[in-house]
Structures are given as structure tokens and as C-alpha cells.
């Protein structure tokens, strides 16, 4: 299951100027999960409700973080703790148009989680 292109605006920044302006991010989640049970039952409770996943993203993004790395870690940890059906998670956070004194499209941070290594 993948949820791609979640757009958020958040005060995730190290420099004070960026914190005041907020930054724009795009989040991609690729979740390895067994969908067999929900496919057979046709019941949402047998799957991962992506509206709940989206709600978790929004909730975690409301906090203030100085580094994207901290946000990435907190979000991945929250998702793995909240949704037992996620076996592996690939999380990608894109900071759009970071202010670095020159033209730059984006900065992307990625991380992987797995229950097998937890």
C-alpha cells in the first residue's frame, strides 16, 4: 500500500527565518502489508485505513522540529507503532524549494523501517 504526495506546511526548520515562514513538504509512504485478509473479507477493519495513516502524518507534523531527520524518525516510529499491519515502511520526505541562498528544487530524506529488524 502506498500513499504518495501528502502535502503539508510545517515549521520544520533549523534557521529562525525558515521557522517564521514555514516550509512546504511532500511525504511518500510505501507500506509493505499483507492485504489478503481485507481482500477476502471486504472489510476496512481488516486493512490499514489510509485516512488514519493520513491523520497520523498530520498529527506528527504539527510539532516543531529543528531538523527534517527528527521529523522523519518521529513519523516513521509513530506509523510503525500505530499500525501493526505495516511489516516494512519506506518513508520519503521532500522539502520543497529550501532557502539555501541559491536556486534549489528540493531536498529529499528517506528511511526504511522493518519489523524483522526491530
C-alpha atoms as a PDB file:
ATOM      1  CA  UNK A   1       0.000   0.000   0.000  1.00  0.00           C
ATOM      2  CA  UNK A   2       1.394   3.395  -0.945  1.00  0.00           C
ATOM      3  CA  UNK A   3       0.248   6.875  -0.067  1.00  0.00           C
ATOM      4  CA  UNK A   4       2.070   9.369  -2.237  1.00  0.00           C
ATOM      5  CA  UNK A   5       2.266  13.137  -2.353  1.00  0.00           C
ATOM      6  CA  UNK A   6       0.893  14.088   1.060  1.00  0.00           C
ATOM      7  CA  UNK A   7       1.373  17.864   1.046  1.00  0.00           C
ATOM      8  CA  UNK A   8       1.989  19.649   4.348  1.00  0.00           C
ATOM      9  CA  UNK A   9       3.199  23.037   5.515  1.00  0.00           C
ATOM     10  CA  UNK A  10       5.086  22.875   8.788  1.00  0.00           C
ATOM     11  CA  UNK A  11       7.546  24.819  10.963  1.00  0.00           C
ATOM     12  CA  UNK A  12      10.292  22.247  10.448  1.00  0.00           C
ATOM     13  CA  UNK A  13      13.471  24.264  10.120  1.00  0.00           C
ATOM     14  CA  UNK A  14      16.774  24.950  11.786  1.00  0.00           C
ATOM     15  CA  UNK A  15      17.093  28.648  10.954  1.00  0.00           C
ATOM     16  CA  UNK A  16      14.757  31.202  12.560  1.00  0.00           C
ATOM     17  CA  UNK A  17      13.865  32.805   9.205  1.00  0.00           C
ATOM     18  CA  UNK A  18      12.580  29.466   7.923  1.00  0.00           C
ATOM     19  CA  UNK A  19      10.596  28.770  11.095  1.00  0.00           C
ATOM     20  CA  UNK A  20       8.674  32.029  10.655  1.00  0.00           C
ATOM     21  CA  UNK A  21       7.837  31.325   7.020  1.00  0.00           C
ATOM     22  CA  UNK A  22       7.019  27.611   7.447  1.00  0.00           C
ATOM     23  CA  UNK A  23       8.218  25.138   4.849  1.00  0.00           C
ATOM     24  CA  UNK A  24       6.445  23.027   2.257  1.00  0.00           C
ATOM     25  CA  UNK A  25       6.910  19.268   2.286  1.00  0.00           C
ATOM     26  CA  UNK A  26       5.706  16.287   0.301  1.00  0.00           C
ATOM     27  CA  UNK A  27       5.575  12.898   2.002  1.00  0.00           C
ATOM     28  CA  UNK A  28       5.540   9.483   0.338  1.00  0.00           C
ATOM     29  CA  UNK A  29       4.799   6.286   2.251  1.00  0.00           C
ATOM     30  CA  UNK A  30       5.309   2.804   0.877  1.00  0.00           C
ATOM     31  CA  UNK A  31       3.992   0.246   3.336  1.00  0.00           C
ATOM     32  CA  UNK A  32       4.512  -3.476   2.887  1.00  0.00           C
ATOM     33  CA  UNK A  33       1.460  -5.166   4.322  1.00  0.00           C
ATOM     34  CA  UNK A  34      -0.495  -8.355   3.735  1.00  0.00           C
ATOM     35  CA  UNK A  35      -3.796  -7.337   2.135  1.00  0.00           C
ATOM     36  CA  UNK A  36      -5.090 -10.905   1.811  1.00  0.00           C
ATOM     37  CA  UNK A  37      -7.458 -10.745   4.775  1.00  0.00           C
ATOM     38  CA  UNK A  38      -9.101  -7.464   3.717  1.00  0.00           C
ATOM     39  CA  UNK A  39      -9.269  -8.601   0.093  1.00  0.00           C
ATOM     40  CA  UNK A  40     -11.199 -11.705   1.142  1.00  0.00           C
ATOM     41  CA  UNK A  41     -13.444 -10.095   3.759  1.00  0.00           C
ATOM     42  CA  UNK A  42     -14.078  -6.774   2.048  1.00  0.00           C
ATOM     43  CA  UNK A  43     -13.903  -5.128   5.482  1.00  0.00           C
ATOM     44  CA  UNK A  44     -11.932  -1.979   6.201  1.00  0.00           C
ATOM     45  CA  UNK A  45     -11.091  -3.135   9.726  1.00  0.00           C
ATOM     46  CA  UNK A  46      -9.085  -5.975   8.161  1.00  0.00           C
ATOM     47  CA  UNK A  47      -6.863  -3.484   6.343  1.00  0.00           C
ATOM     48  CA  UNK A  48      -4.876  -0.357   7.122  1.00  0.00           C
ATOM     49  CA  UNK A  49      -7.225   2.619   6.893  1.00  0.00           C
ATOM     50  CA  UNK A  50      -5.247   5.183   4.946  1.00  0.00           C
ATOM     51  CA  UNK A  51      -7.357   8.005   6.392  1.00  0.00           C
ATOM     52  CA  UNK A  52      -5.939   7.015   9.801  1.00  0.00           C
ATOM     53  CA  UNK A  53      -2.442   6.972   8.318  1.00  0.00           C
ATOM     54  CA  UNK A  54      -3.022  10.458   6.904  1.00  0.00           C
ATOM     55  CA  UNK A  55      -4.252  11.608  10.320  1.00  0.00           C
ATOM     56  CA  UNK A  56      -1.073  10.292  11.944  1.00  0.00           C
ATOM     57  CA  UNK A  57       1.045  12.207   9.424  1.00  0.00           C
ATOM     58  CA  UNK A  58      -0.851  15.427  10.150  1.00  0.00           C
ATOM     59  CA  UNK A  59      -0.624  14.936  13.935  1.00  0.00           C
ATOM     60  CA  UNK A  60       3.127  14.295  13.928  1.00  0.00           C
ATOM     61  CA  UNK A  61       3.717  17.222  11.528  1.00  0.00           C
ATOM     62  CA  UNK A  62       2.062  19.664  13.937  1.00  0.00           C
ATOM     63  CA  UNK A  63       5.061  19.586  16.285  1.00  0.00           C
ATOM     64  CA  UNK A  64       8.084  21.841  15.945  1.00  0.00           C
ATOM     65  CA  UNK A  65      11.277  20.145  14.733  1.00  0.00           C
ATOM     66  CA  UNK A  66      14.634  21.758  14.029  1.00  0.00           C
ATOM     67  CA  UNK A  67      15.724  19.008  11.649  1.00  0.00           C
ATOM     68  CA  UNK A  68      13.875  17.042   8.997  1.00  0.00           C
ATOM     69  CA  UNK A  69      15.757  13.994  10.261  1.00  0.00           C
ATOM     70  CA  UNK A  70      13.939  14.241  13.601  1.00  0.00           C
ATOM     71  CA  UNK A  71      10.561  14.597  11.874  1.00  0.00           C
ATOM     72  CA  UNK A  72      11.386  11.609   9.661  1.00  0.00           C
ATOM     73  CA  UNK A  73      12.261   9.487  12.686  1.00  0.00           C
ATOM     74  CA  UNK A  74       9.206  10.524  14.722  1.00  0.00           C
ATOM     75  CA  UNK A  75       6.830   9.963  11.815  1.00  0.00           C
ATOM     76  CA  UNK A  76       8.217   6.537  10.883  1.00  0.00           C
ATOM     77  CA  UNK A  77       8.201   5.426  14.518  1.00  0.00           C
ATOM     78  CA  UNK A  78       4.627   6.661  15.029  1.00  0.00           C
ATOM     79  CA  UNK A  79       3.414   4.807  11.932  1.00  0.00           C
ATOM     80  CA  UNK A  80       5.113   1.550  12.894  1.00  0.00           C
ATOM     81  CA  UNK A  81       3.765   1.790  16.457  1.00  0.00           C
ATOM     82  CA  UNK A  82       0.225   2.717  15.375  1.00  0.00           C
ATOM     83  CA  UNK A  83      -0.319   0.208  12.580  1.00  0.00           C
ATOM     84  CA  UNK A  84       0.587  -3.403  13.358  1.00  0.00           C
ATOM     85  CA  UNK A  85      -0.160  -4.414   9.772  1.00  0.00           C
ATOM     86  CA  UNK A  86       2.834  -2.497   8.413  1.00  0.00           C
ATOM     87  CA  UNK A  87       5.640  -5.036   8.051  1.00  0.00           C
ATOM     88  CA  UNK A  88       8.067  -2.696   6.295  1.00  0.00           C
ATOM     89  CA  UNK A  89       7.919   1.044   5.720  1.00  0.00           C
ATOM     90  CA  UNK A  90       9.758   3.230   3.236  1.00  0.00           C
ATOM     91  CA  UNK A  91       9.261   6.875   4.168  1.00  0.00           C
ATOM     92  CA  UNK A  92      10.389   9.759   1.990  1.00  0.00           C
ATOM     93  CA  UNK A  93      10.118  13.432   2.950  1.00  0.00           C
ATOM     94  CA  UNK A  94      10.765  16.099   0.334  1.00  0.00           C
ATOM     95  CA  UNK A  95      11.421  19.673   1.444  1.00  0.00           C
ATOM     96  CA  UNK A  96      10.384  21.861  -1.460  1.00  0.00           C
ATOM     97  CA  UNK A  97      12.430  24.884  -2.514  1.00  0.00           C
ATOM     98  CA  UNK A  98      14.689  25.111   0.545  1.00  0.00           C
ATOM     99  CA  UNK A  99      16.174  28.552   1.126  1.00  0.00           C
ATOM    100  CA  UNK A 100      19.906  27.957   0.759  1.00  0.00           C
ATOM    101  CA  UNK A 101      20.954  31.156  -0.957  1.00  0.00           C
ATOM    102  CA  UNK A 102      20.514  29.776  -4.454  1.00  0.00           C
ATOM    103  CA  UNK A 103      18.014  28.046  -6.689  1.00  0.00           C
ATOM    104  CA  UNK A 104      17.271  24.533  -5.478  1.00  0.00           C
ATOM    105  CA  UNK A 105      14.206  22.425  -6.260  1.00  0.00           C
ATOM    106  CA  UNK A 106      14.140  20.136  -3.227  1.00  0.00           C
ATOM    107  CA  UNK A 107      15.935  18.117  -0.603  1.00  0.00           C
ATOM    108  CA  UNK A 108      14.824  14.521  -0.028  1.00  0.00           C
ATOM    109  CA  UNK A 109      15.400  12.375   3.051  1.00  0.00           C
ATOM    110  CA  UNK A 110      14.489   8.686   3.103  1.00  0.00           C
ATOM    111  CA  UNK A 111      14.487   5.959   5.677  1.00  0.00           C
ATOM    112  CA  UNK A 112      13.338   2.360   5.964  1.00  0.00           C
ATOM    113  CA  UNK A 113      11.760   0.530   8.917  1.00  0.00           C
ATOM    114  CA  UNK A 114      11.169  -3.195   9.255  1.00  0.00           C
ATOM    115  CA  UNK A 115       9.581  -5.280  11.996  1.00  0.00           C
ATOM    116  CA  UNK A 116      12.096  -8.002  11.148  1.00  0.00           C
ATOM    117  CA  UNK A 117      14.971  -5.831  12.426  1.00  0.00           C
ATOM    118  CA  UNK A 118      13.093  -4.164  15.300  1.00  0.00           C
END
